[in-house]
């Protein structure tokens, strides 16, 4: 059984945080990019497609539980987690996939 990535995205201004979980982080980042500006999704509505934090869980249950845990945190606690891993809040998308994705990717 494959594991899951728990991840946090933000927008250009770094004002909005989005917490998600996926079994294919590269594909999911591209999907978030494709959905930018889409009002039907939270990440799309707020242009959240910049990766600023991620962690891997070898089992799915652990990944899902961790996502729920982080989602329940205050913004400050999420900021503290991001700062412990990525204190400059660098966009990490290019560590996972070619960024920005080629239009032919989608």
PDB file of N, CA and C in Angstrom:
ATOM      1  N   UNK A   1       0.850  -1.189   0.000  1.00  0.00           N
ATOM      2  CA  UNK A   1       0.000   0.000   0.000  1.00  0.00           C
ATOM      3  C   UNK A   1       0.886   1.239   0.000  1.00  0.00           C
ATOM      4  N   UNK A   2       0.624   2.134  -0.917  1.00  0.00           N
ATOM      5  CA  UNK A   2       1.391   3.375  -1.015  1.00  0.00           C
ATOM      6  C   UNK A   2       0.992   4.329   0.098  1.00  0.00           C
ATOM      7  N   UNK A   3       1.867   5.256   0.382  1.00  0.00           N
ATOM      8  CA  UNK A   3       1.591   6.229   1.422  1.00  0.00           C
ATOM      9  C   UNK A   3       0.998   7.506   0.872  1.00  0.00           C
ATOM     10  N   UNK A   4       0.921   8.495   1.738  1.00  0.00           N
ATOM     11  CA  UNK A   4       0.308   9.776   1.391  1.00  0.00           C
ATOM     12  C   UNK A   4       1.204  10.946   1.762  1.00  0.00           C
ATOM     13  N   UNK A   5       1.120  11.995   0.972  1.00  0.00           N
ATOM     14  CA  UNK A   5       1.739  13.271   1.312  1.00  0.00           C
ATOM     15  C   UNK A   5       0.674  14.178   1.926  1.00  0.00           C
ATOM     16  N   UNK A   6       1.010  14.797   3.024  1.00  0.00           N
ATOM     17  CA  UNK A   6       0.216  15.884   3.592  1.00  0.00           C
ATOM     18  C   UNK A   6       0.967  17.148   3.200  1.00  0.00           C
ATOM     19  N   UNK A   7       0.238  18.148   2.730  1.00  0.00           N
ATOM     20  CA  UNK A   7       0.916  19.321   2.195  1.00  0.00           C
ATOM     21  C   UNK A   7       0.151  20.593   2.549  1.00  0.00           C
ATOM     22  N   UNK A   8       0.875  21.703   2.504  1.00  0.00           N
ATOM     23  CA  UNK A   8       0.274  23.016   2.712  1.00  0.00           C
ATOM     24  C   UNK A   8       0.645  23.891   1.522  1.00  0.00           C
ATOM     25  N   UNK A   9      -0.380  24.529   0.965  1.00  0.00           N
ATOM     26  CA  UNK A   9      -0.212  25.470  -0.140  1.00  0.00           C
ATOM     27  C   UNK A   9      -0.550  26.867   0.325  1.00  0.00           C
ATOM     28  N   UNK A  10      -0.061  27.839  -0.409  1.00  0.00           N
ATOM     29  CA  UNK A  10      -0.432  29.226  -0.183  1.00  0.00           C
ATOM     30  C   UNK A  10      -0.587  29.916  -1.531  1.00  0.00           C
ATOM     31  N   UNK A  11      -0.962  31.184  -1.476  1.00  0.00           N
ATOM     32  CA  UNK A  11      -1.076  31.979  -2.698  1.00  0.00           C
ATOM     33  C   UNK A  11       0.131  32.911  -2.797  1.00  0.00           C
ATOM     34  N   UNK A  12       0.169  33.718  -3.840  1.00  0.00           N
ATOM     35  CA  UNK A  12       1.317  34.598  -4.073  1.00  0.00           C
ATOM     36  C   UNK A  12       1.595  35.512  -2.884  1.00  0.00           C
ATOM     37  N   UNK A  13       0.553  36.053  -2.283  1.00  0.00           N
ATOM     38  CA  UNK A  13       0.727  36.978  -1.161  1.00  0.00           C
ATOM     39  C   UNK A  13       0.985  36.261   0.167  1.00  0.00           C
ATOM     40  N   UNK A  14       0.883  34.932   0.165  1.00  0.00           N
ATOM     41  CA  UNK A  14       1.127  34.093   1.350  1.00  0.00           C
ATOM     42  C   UNK A  14       0.154  34.395   2.488  1.00  0.00           C
ATOM     43  N   UNK A  15      -1.053  34.817   2.133  1.00  0.00           N
ATOM     44  CA  UNK A  15      -2.058  35.154   3.145  1.00  0.00           C
ATOM     45  C   UNK A  15      -3.023  34.010   3.428  1.00  0.00           C
ATOM     46  N   UNK A  16      -3.173  33.088   2.477  1.00  0.00           N
ATOM     47  CA  UNK A  16      -4.127  31.990   2.614  1.00  0.00           C
ATOM     48  C   UNK A  16      -3.349  30.684   2.714  1.00  0.00           C
ATOM     49  N   UNK A  17      -3.813  29.788   3.600  1.00  0.00           N
ATOM     50  CA  UNK A  17      -3.209  28.464   3.725  1.00  0.00           C
ATOM     51  C   UNK A  17      -4.238  27.402   3.383  1.00  0.00           C
ATOM     52  N   UNK A  18      -3.799  26.402   2.651  1.00  0.00           N
ATOM     53  CA  UNK A  18      -4.654  25.275   2.272  1.00  0.00           C
ATOM     54  C   UNK A  18      -3.921  23.994   2.649  1.00  0.00           C
ATOM     55  N   UNK A  19      -4.569  23.128   3.406  1.00  0.00           N
ATOM     56  CA  UNK A  19      -3.993  21.853   3.815  1.00  0.00           C
ATOM     57  C   UNK A  19      -4.673  20.743   3.033  1.00  0.00           C
ATOM     58  N   UNK A  20      -3.867  19.854   2.461  1.00  0.00           N
ATOM     59  CA  UNK A  20      -4.417  18.752   1.695  1.00  0.00           C
ATOM     60  C   UNK A  20      -3.631  17.472   1.899  1.00  0.00           C
ATOM     61  N   UNK A  21      -4.143  16.400   1.313  1.00  0.00           N
ATOM     62  CA  UNK A  21      -3.495  15.091   1.371  1.00  0.00           C
ATOM     63  C   UNK A  21      -3.661  14.437   0.007  1.00  0.00           C
ATOM     64  N   UNK A  22      -2.637  13.718  -0.440  1.00  0.00           N
ATOM     65  CA  UNK A  22      -2.694  13.077  -1.747  1.00  0.00           C
ATOM     66  C   UNK A  22      -1.717  11.905  -1.820  1.00  0.00           C
ATOM     67  N   UNK A  23      -2.016  10.976  -2.716  1.00  0.00           N
ATOM     68  CA  UNK A  23      -1.079   9.878  -2.948  1.00  0.00           C
ATOM     69  C   UNK A  23      -0.156  10.185  -4.132  1.00  0.00           C
ATOM     70  N   UNK A  24      -0.356  11.321  -4.812  1.00  0.00           N
ATOM     71  CA  UNK A  24       0.484  11.726  -5.941  1.00  0.00           C
ATOM     72  C   UNK A  24       0.659  13.240  -5.890  1.00  0.00           C
ATOM     73  N   UNK A  25       1.686  13.680  -5.181  1.00  0.00           N
ATOM     74  CA  UNK A  25       1.876  15.107  -4.940  1.00  0.00           C
ATOM     75  C   UNK A  25       2.125  15.868  -6.240  1.00  0.00           C
ATOM     76  N   UNK A  26       2.896  15.313  -7.139  1.00  0.00           N
ATOM     77  CA  UNK A  26       3.162  15.996  -8.401  1.00  0.00           C
ATOM     78  C   UNK A  26       1.863  16.250  -9.173  1.00  0.00           C
ATOM     79  N   UNK A  27       1.066  15.212  -9.326  1.00  0.00           N
ATOM     80  CA  UNK A  27      -0.202  15.344 -10.056  1.00  0.00           C
ATOM     81  C   UNK A  27      -1.130  16.343  -9.357  1.00  0.00           C
ATOM     82  N   UNK A  28      -1.156  16.287  -8.041  1.00  0.00           N
ATOM     83  CA  UNK A  28      -2.060  17.166  -7.291  1.00  0.00           C
ATOM     84  C   UNK A  28      -1.645  18.631  -7.413  1.00  0.00           C
ATOM     85  N   UNK A  29      -0.334  18.909  -7.398  1.00  0.00           N
ATOM     86  CA  UNK A  29       0.125  20.282  -7.576  1.00  0.00           C
ATOM     87  C   UNK A  29      -0.292  20.828  -8.933  1.00  0.00           C
ATOM     88  N   UNK A  30      -0.178  20.007  -9.959  1.00  0.00           N
ATOM     89  CA  UNK A  30      -0.592  20.416 -11.307  1.00  0.00           C
ATOM     90  C   UNK A  30      -2.095  20.672 -11.338  1.00  0.00           C
ATOM     91  N   UNK A  31      -2.871  19.821 -10.658  1.00  0.00           N
ATOM     92  CA  UNK A  31      -4.327  20.027 -10.608  1.00  0.00           C
ATOM     93  C   UNK A  31      -4.668  21.349  -9.927  1.00  0.00           C
ATOM     94  N   UNK A  32      -3.985  21.651  -8.819  1.00  0.00           N
ATOM     95  CA  UNK A  32      -4.236  22.927  -8.136  1.00  0.00           C
ATOM     96  C   UNK A  32      -3.904  24.092  -9.076  1.00  0.00           C
ATOM     97  N   UNK A  33      -2.823  23.981  -9.807  1.00  0.00           N
ATOM     98  CA  UNK A  33      -2.437  25.024 -10.753  1.00  0.00           C
ATOM     99  C   UNK A  33      -3.505  25.181 -11.838  1.00  0.00           C
ATOM    100  N   UNK A  34      -3.989  24.067 -12.347  1.00  0.00           N
ATOM    101  CA  UNK A  34      -5.030  24.087 -13.377  1.00  0.00           C
ATOM    102  C   UNK A  34      -6.315  24.744 -12.860  1.00  0.00           C
ATOM    103  N   UNK A  35      -6.618  24.552 -11.597  1.00  0.00           N
ATOM    104  CA  UNK A  35      -7.873  25.042 -11.009  1.00  0.00           C
ATOM    105  C   UNK A  35      -7.790  26.475 -10.497  1.00  0.00           C
ATOM    106  N   UNK A  36      -6.664  27.133 -10.716  1.00  0.00           N
ATOM    107  CA  UNK A  36      -6.526  28.500 -10.192  1.00  0.00           C
ATOM    108  C   UNK A  36      -7.627  29.387 -10.769  1.00  0.00           C
ATOM    109  N   UNK A  37      -8.227  30.165  -9.877  1.00  0.00           N
ATOM    110  CA  UNK A  37      -9.312  31.053 -10.277  1.00  0.00           C
ATOM    111  C   UNK A  37     -10.686  30.397 -10.304  1.00  0.00           C
ATOM    112  N   UNK A  38     -10.737  29.084 -10.127  1.00  0.00           N
ATOM    113  CA  UNK A  38     -12.028  28.370 -10.118  1.00  0.00           C
ATOM    114  C   UNK A  38     -12.738  28.630  -8.790  1.00  0.00           C
ATOM    115  N   UNK A  39     -13.912  29.198  -8.863  1.00  0.00           N
ATOM    116  CA  UNK A  39     -14.656  29.556  -7.649  1.00  0.00           C
ATOM    117  C   UNK A  39     -15.196  28.337  -6.905  1.00  0.00           C
ATOM    118  N   UNK A  40     -15.274  27.188  -7.584  1.00  0.00           N
ATOM    119  CA  UNK A  40     -15.898  26.002  -6.978  1.00  0.00           C
ATOM    120  C   UNK A  40     -14.995  25.298  -5.958  1.00  0.00           C
ATOM    121  N   UNK A  41     -13.705  25.637  -5.939  1.00  0.00           N
ATOM    122  CA  UNK A  41     -12.810  25.011  -4.969  1.00  0.00           C
ATOM    123  C   UNK A  41     -12.142  26.087  -4.118  1.00  0.00           C
ATOM    124  N   UNK A  42     -11.860  25.762  -2.874  1.00  0.00           N
ATOM    125  CA  UNK A  42     -11.207  26.724  -1.979  1.00  0.00           C
ATOM    126  C   UNK A  42      -9.853  27.136  -2.534  1.00  0.00           C
ATOM    127  N   UNK A  43      -9.021  26.157  -2.876  1.00  0.00           N
ATOM    128  CA  UNK A  43      -7.673  26.453  -3.381  1.00  0.00           C
ATOM    129  C   UNK A  43      -7.757  27.254  -4.677  1.00  0.00           C
ATOM    130  N   UNK A  44      -8.698  26.912  -5.545  1.00  0.00           N
ATOM    131  CA  UNK A  44      -8.863  27.638  -6.798  1.00  0.00           C
ATOM    132  C   UNK A  44      -9.321  29.062  -6.589  1.00  0.00           C
ATOM    133  N   UNK A  45     -10.283  29.235  -5.725  1.00  0.00           N
ATOM    134  CA  UNK A  45     -10.853  30.564  -5.438  1.00  0.00           C
ATOM    135  C   UNK A  45      -9.772  31.525  -4.924  1.00  0.00           C
ATOM    136  N   UNK A  46      -8.849  31.003  -4.116  1.00  0.00           N
ATOM    137  CA  UNK A  46      -7.819  31.853  -3.512  1.00  0.00           C
ATOM    138  C   UNK A  46      -6.443  31.691  -4.154  1.00  0.00           C
ATOM    139  N   UNK A  47      -6.399  31.052  -5.316  1.00  0.00           N
ATOM    140  CA  UNK A  47      -5.151  30.887  -6.070  1.00  0.00           C
ATOM    141  C   UNK A  47      -4.044  30.233  -5.235  1.00  0.00           C
ATOM    142  N   UNK A  48      -4.426  29.219  -4.474  1.00  0.00           N
ATOM    143  CA  UNK A  48      -3.462  28.476  -3.655  1.00  0.00           C
ATOM    144  C   UNK A  48      -2.900  27.314  -4.476  1.00  0.00           C
ATOM    145  N   UNK A  49      -1.707  27.495  -4.967  1.00  0.00           N
ATOM    146  CA  UNK A  49      -1.048  26.404  -5.671  1.00  0.00           C
ATOM    147  C   UNK A  49       0.464  26.410  -5.437  1.00  0.00           C
ATOM    148  N   UNK A  50       0.918  27.223  -4.510  1.00  0.00           N
ATOM    149  CA  UNK A  50       2.338  27.263  -4.169  1.00  0.00           C
ATOM    150  C   UNK A  50       2.602  26.385  -2.953  1.00  0.00           C
ATOM    151  N   UNK A  51       3.422  25.372  -3.143  1.00  0.00           N
ATOM    152  CA  UNK A  51       3.756  24.421  -2.082  1.00  0.00           C
ATOM    153  C   UNK A  51       4.761  25.044  -1.121  1.00  0.00           C
ATOM    154  N   UNK A  52       4.424  25.056   0.176  1.00  0.00           N
ATOM    155  CA  UNK A  52       5.348  25.605   1.169  1.00  0.00           C
ATOM    156  C   UNK A  52       5.696  24.601   2.260  1.00  0.00           C
ATOM    157  N   UNK A  53       4.976  23.477   2.298  1.00  0.00           N
ATOM    158  CA  UNK A  53       5.255  22.444   3.306  1.00  0.00           C
ATOM    159  C   UNK A  53       4.720  21.124   2.799  1.00  0.00           C
ATOM    160  N   UNK A  54       5.479  20.043   3.054  1.00  0.00           N
ATOM    161  CA  UNK A  54       4.947  18.706   2.790  1.00  0.00           C
ATOM    162  C   UNK A  54       5.668  17.689   3.659  1.00  0.00           C
ATOM    163  N   UNK A  55       4.968  16.615   3.924  1.00  0.00           N
ATOM    164  CA  UNK A  55       5.534  15.493   4.682  1.00  0.00           C
ATOM    165  C   UNK A  55       4.930  14.214   4.125  1.00  0.00           C
ATOM    166  N   UNK A  56       5.666  13.123   4.271  1.00  0.00           N
ATOM    167  CA  UNK A  56       5.223  11.841   3.723  1.00  0.00           C
ATOM    168  C   UNK A  56       4.884  10.882   4.855  1.00  0.00           C
ATOM    169  N   UNK A  57       3.794  10.152   4.668  1.00  0.00           N
ATOM    170  CA  UNK A  57       3.376   9.124   5.626  1.00  0.00           C
ATOM    171  C   UNK A  57       3.299   7.794   4.894  1.00  0.00           C
ATOM    172  N   UNK A  58       3.960   6.797   5.439  1.00  0.00           N
ATOM    173  CA  UNK A  58       4.027   5.485   4.779  1.00  0.00           C
ATOM    174  C   UNK A  58       2.695   4.756   4.759  1.00  0.00           C
ATOM    175  N   UNK A  59       1.835   5.070   5.699  1.00  0.00           N
ATOM    176  CA  UNK A  59       0.520   4.417   5.638  1.00  0.00           C
ATOM    177  C   UNK A  59      -0.584   5.461   5.499  1.00  0.00           C
ATOM    178  N   UNK A  60      -1.619   5.079   4.794  1.00  0.00           N
ATOM    179  CA  UNK A  60      -2.693   6.009   4.467  1.00  0.00           C
ATOM    180  C   UNK A  60      -3.429   6.527   5.693  1.00  0.00           C
ATOM    181  N   UNK A  61      -3.652   5.661   6.655  1.00  0.00           N
ATOM    182  CA  UNK A  61      -4.382   6.082   7.853  1.00  0.00           C
ATOM    183  C   UNK A  61      -3.613   7.183   8.576  1.00  0.00           C
ATOM    184  N   UNK A  62      -2.293   7.006   8.702  1.00  0.00           N
ATOM    185  CA  UNK A  62      -1.470   8.031   9.346  1.00  0.00           C
ATOM    186  C   UNK A  62      -1.513   9.354   8.602  1.00  0.00           C
ATOM    187  N   UNK A  63      -1.498   9.302   7.264  1.00  0.00           N
ATOM    188  CA  UNK A  63      -1.555  10.516   6.462  1.00  0.00           C
ATOM    189  C   UNK A  63      -2.874  11.248   6.617  1.00  0.00           C
ATOM    190  N   UNK A  64      -3.959  10.496   6.587  1.00  0.00           N
ATOM    191  CA  UNK A  64      -5.289  11.111   6.717  1.00  0.00           C
ATOM    192  C   UNK A  64      -5.468  11.713   8.109  1.00  0.00           C
ATOM    193  N   UNK A  65      -5.015  10.993   9.128  1.00  0.00           N
ATOM    194  CA  UNK A  65      -5.113  11.519  10.493  1.00  0.00           C
ATOM    195  C   UNK A  65      -4.288  12.788  10.660  1.00  0.00           C
ATOM    196  N   UNK A  66      -3.100  12.813  10.043  1.00  0.00           N
ATOM    197  CA  UNK A  66      -2.235  13.995  10.145  1.00  0.00           C
ATOM    198  C   UNK A  66      -2.873  15.194   9.439  1.00  0.00           C
ATOM    199  N   UNK A  67      -3.464  14.969   8.260  1.00  0.00           N
ATOM    200  CA  UNK A  67      -4.135  16.057   7.556  1.00  0.00           C
ATOM    201  C   UNK A  67      -5.242  16.646   8.433  1.00  0.00           C
ATOM    202  N   UNK A  68      -6.054  15.792   9.027  1.00  0.00           N
ATOM    203  CA  UNK A  68      -7.144  16.261   9.892  1.00  0.00           C
ATOM    204  C   UNK A  68      -6.599  17.034  11.089  1.00  0.00           C
ATOM    205  N   UNK A  69      -5.498  16.527  11.652  1.00  0.00           N
ATOM    206  CA  UNK A  69      -4.886  17.198  12.792  1.00  0.00           C
ATOM    207  C   UNK A  69      -4.452  18.614  12.414  1.00  0.00           C
ATOM    208  N   UNK A  70      -3.706  18.745  11.317  1.00  0.00           N
ATOM    209  CA  UNK A  70      -3.207  20.056  10.900  1.00  0.00           C
ATOM    210  C   UNK A  70      -4.361  20.982  10.523  1.00  0.00           C
ATOM    211  N   UNK A  71      -5.376  20.471   9.838  1.00  0.00           N
ATOM    212  CA  UNK A  71      -6.527  21.297   9.469  1.00  0.00           C
ATOM    213  C   UNK A  71      -7.212  21.887  10.701  1.00  0.00           C
ATOM    214  N   UNK A  72      -7.176  21.162  11.813  1.00  0.00           N
ATOM    215  CA  UNK A  72      -7.821  21.629  13.040  1.00  0.00           C
ATOM    216  C   UNK A  72      -7.016  22.646  13.819  1.00  0.00           C
ATOM    217  N   UNK A  73      -5.776  22.860  13.424  1.00  0.00           N
ATOM    218  CA  UNK A  73      -4.909  23.795  14.125  1.00  0.00           C
ATOM    219  C   UNK A  73      -5.273  25.245  13.824  1.00  0.00           C
ATOM    220  N   UNK A  74      -4.844  26.113  14.721  1.00  0.00           N
ATOM    221  CA  UNK A  74      -4.952  27.551  14.474  1.00  0.00           C
ATOM    222  C   UNK A  74      -3.985  27.937  13.357  1.00  0.00           C
ATOM    223  N   UNK A  75      -4.227  29.078  12.768  1.00  0.00           N
ATOM    224  CA  UNK A  75      -3.307  29.557  11.735  1.00  0.00           C
ATOM    225  C   UNK A  75      -1.890  29.671  12.299  1.00  0.00           C
ATOM    226  N   UNK A  76      -1.749  30.177  13.513  1.00  0.00           N
ATOM    227  CA  UNK A  76      -0.418  30.359  14.092  1.00  0.00           C
ATOM    228  C   UNK A  76       0.326  29.030  14.231  1.00  0.00           C
ATOM    229  N   UNK A  77      -0.361  28.006  14.632  1.00  0.00           N
ATOM    230  CA  UNK A  77       0.289  26.698  14.774  1.00  0.00           C
ATOM    231  C   UNK A  77       0.731  26.171  13.400  1.00  0.00           C
ATOM    232  N   UNK A  78      -0.080  26.400  12.358  1.00  0.00           N
ATOM    233  CA  UNK A  78       0.318  26.016  11.000  1.00  0.00           C
ATOM    234  C   UNK A  78       1.537  26.824  10.565  1.00  0.00           C
ATOM    235  N   UNK A  79       1.541  28.112  10.855  1.00  0.00           N
ATOM    236  CA  UNK A  79       2.679  28.972  10.523  1.00  0.00           C
ATOM    237  C   UNK A  79       3.936  28.471  11.229  1.00  0.00           C
ATOM    238  N   UNK A  80       3.812  28.095  12.485  1.00  0.00           N
ATOM    239  CA  UNK A  80       4.955  27.571  13.225  1.00  0.00           C
ATOM    240  C   UNK A  80       5.492  26.289  12.580  1.00  0.00           C
ATOM    241  N   UNK A  81       4.599  25.417  12.124  1.00  0.00           N
ATOM    242  CA  UNK A  81       5.022  24.193  11.443  1.00  0.00           C
ATOM    243  C   UNK A  81       5.764  24.538  10.160  1.00  0.00           C
ATOM    244  N   UNK A  82       5.209  25.431   9.360  1.00  0.00           N
ATOM    245  CA  UNK A  82       5.860  25.843   8.111  1.00  0.00           C
ATOM    246  C   UNK A  82       7.231  26.452   8.415  1.00  0.00           C
ATOM    247  N   UNK A  83       7.292  27.328   9.399  1.00  0.00           N
ATOM    248  CA  UNK A  83       8.552  27.985   9.750  1.00  0.00           C
ATOM    249  C   UNK A  83       9.621  26.997  10.206  1.00  0.00           C
ATOM    250  N   UNK A  84       9.216  25.909  10.841  1.00  0.00           N
ATOM    251  CA  UNK A  84      10.190  24.924  11.318  1.00  0.00           C
ATOM    252  C   UNK A  84      10.819  24.154  10.155  1.00  0.00           C
ATOM    253  N   UNK A  85      10.127  24.107   9.033  1.00  0.00           N
ATOM    254  CA  UNK A  85      10.565  23.339   7.868  1.00  0.00           C
ATOM    255  C   UNK A  85      11.069  24.252   6.750  1.00  0.00           C
ATOM    256  N   UNK A  86      10.434  25.392   6.594  1.00  0.00           N
ATOM    257  CA  UNK A  86      10.685  26.289   5.468  1.00  0.00           C
ATOM    258  C   UNK A  86      10.573  27.735   5.962  1.00  0.00           C
ATOM    259  N   UNK A  87      11.552  28.191   6.768  1.00  0.00           N
ATOM    260  CA  UNK A  87      11.433  29.495   7.426  1.00  0.00           C
ATOM    261  C   UNK A  87      11.323  30.685   6.481  1.00  0.00           C
ATOM    262  N   UNK A  88      11.806  30.561   5.262  1.00  0.00           N
ATOM    263  CA  UNK A  88      11.704  31.663   4.298  1.00  0.00           C
ATOM    264  C   UNK A  88      10.442  31.571   3.452  1.00  0.00           C
ATOM    265  N   UNK A  89       9.642  30.533   3.689  1.00  0.00           N
ATOM    266  CA  UNK A  89       8.409  30.306   2.930  1.00  0.00           C
ATOM    267  C   UNK A  89       8.684  30.287   1.429  1.00  0.00           C
ATOM    268  N   UNK A  90       9.749  29.602   1.065  1.00  0.00           N
ATOM    269  CA  UNK A  90      10.074  29.435  -0.348  1.00  0.00           C
ATOM    270  C   UNK A  90       9.032  28.533  -0.995  1.00  0.00           C
ATOM    271  N   UNK A  91       8.727  28.798  -2.251  1.00  0.00           N
ATOM    272  CA  UNK A  91       7.812  27.942  -2.991  1.00  0.00           C
ATOM    273  C   UNK A  91       8.585  26.698  -3.420  1.00  0.00           C
ATOM    274  N   UNK A  92       8.106  25.540  -3.030  1.00  0.00           N
ATOM    275  CA  UNK A  92       8.828  24.281  -3.187  1.00  0.00           C
ATOM    276  C   UNK A  92       8.355  23.446  -4.374  1.00  0.00           C
ATOM    277  N   UNK A  93       7.474  23.977  -5.187  1.00  0.00           N
ATOM    278  CA  UNK A  93       6.886  23.214  -6.287  1.00  0.00           C
ATOM    279  C   UNK A  93       7.944  22.578  -7.169  1.00  0.00           C
ATOM    280  N   UNK A  94       9.026  23.313  -7.445  1.00  0.00           N
ATOM    281  CA  UNK A  94      10.036  22.785  -8.359  1.00  0.00           C
ATOM    282  C   UNK A  94      10.857  21.653  -7.750  1.00  0.00           C
ATOM    283  N   UNK A  95      10.688  21.380  -6.460  1.00  0.00           N
ATOM    284  CA  UNK A  95      11.308  20.192  -5.859  1.00  0.00           C
ATOM    285  C   UNK A  95      10.516  18.938  -6.191  1.00  0.00           C
ATOM    286  N   UNK A  96       9.266  19.115  -6.612  1.00  0.00           N
ATOM    287  CA  UNK A  96       8.375  17.997  -6.876  1.00  0.00           C
ATOM    288  C   UNK A  96       8.166  17.785  -8.370  1.00  0.00           C
ATOM    289  N   UNK A  97       8.083  18.879  -9.126  1.00  0.00           N
ATOM    290  CA  UNK A  97       7.791  18.786 -10.557  1.00  0.00           C
ATOM    291  C   UNK A  97       8.358  20.011 -11.267  1.00  0.00           C
ATOM    292  N   UNK A  98       8.410  19.972 -12.576  1.00  0.00           N
ATOM    293  CA  UNK A  98       8.820  21.144 -13.351  1.00  0.00           C
ATOM    294  C   UNK A  98       7.797  22.242 -13.087  1.00  0.00           C
ATOM    295  N   UNK A  99       8.291  23.441 -12.765  1.00  0.00           N
ATOM    296  CA  UNK A  99       7.362  24.501 -12.402  1.00  0.00           C
ATOM    297  C   UNK A  99       7.708  25.797 -13.093  1.00  0.00           C
ATOM    298  N   UNK A 100       6.732  26.512 -13.650  1.00  0.00           N
ATOM    299  CA  UNK A 100       5.339  26.081 -13.780  1.00  0.00           C
ATOM    300  C   UNK A 100       5.217  24.939 -14.763  1.00  0.00           C
ATOM    301  N   UNK A 101       4.138  24.161 -14.623  1.00  0.00           N
ATOM    302  CA  UNK A 101       3.980  23.020 -15.516  1.00  0.00           C
ATOM    303  C   UNK A 101       3.772  23.465 -16.965  1.00  0.00           C
ATOM    304  N   UNK A 102       4.268  22.673 -17.884  1.00  0.00           N
ATOM    305  CA  UNK A 102       4.032  22.940 -19.308  1.00  0.00           C
ATOM    306  C   UNK A 102       2.547  22.810 -19.592  1.00  0.00           C
ATOM    307  N   UNK A 103       2.010  23.662 -20.467  1.00  0.00           N
ATOM    308  CA  UNK A 103       0.589  23.524 -20.816  1.00  0.00           C
ATOM    309  C   UNK A 103       0.236  22.123 -21.313  1.00  0.00           C
ATOM    310  N   UNK A 104       1.169  21.438 -21.940  1.00  0.00           N
ATOM    311  CA  UNK A 104       0.925  20.079 -22.420  1.00  0.00           C
ATOM    312  C   UNK A 104       0.797  19.061 -21.306  1.00  0.00           C
ATOM    313  N   UNK A 105       1.187  19.442 -20.090  1.00  0.00           N
ATOM    314  CA  UNK A 105       1.087  18.546 -18.939  1.00  0.00           C
ATOM    315  C   UNK A 105      -0.347  18.272 -18.578  1.00  0.00           C
ATOM    316  N   UNK A 106      -1.200  19.220 -18.903  1.00  0.00           N
ATOM    317  CA  UNK A 106      -2.604  19.068 -18.579  1.00  0.00           C
ATOM    318  C   UNK A 106      -3.368  19.291 -19.812  1.00  0.00           C
TER     319      UNK A 106
END
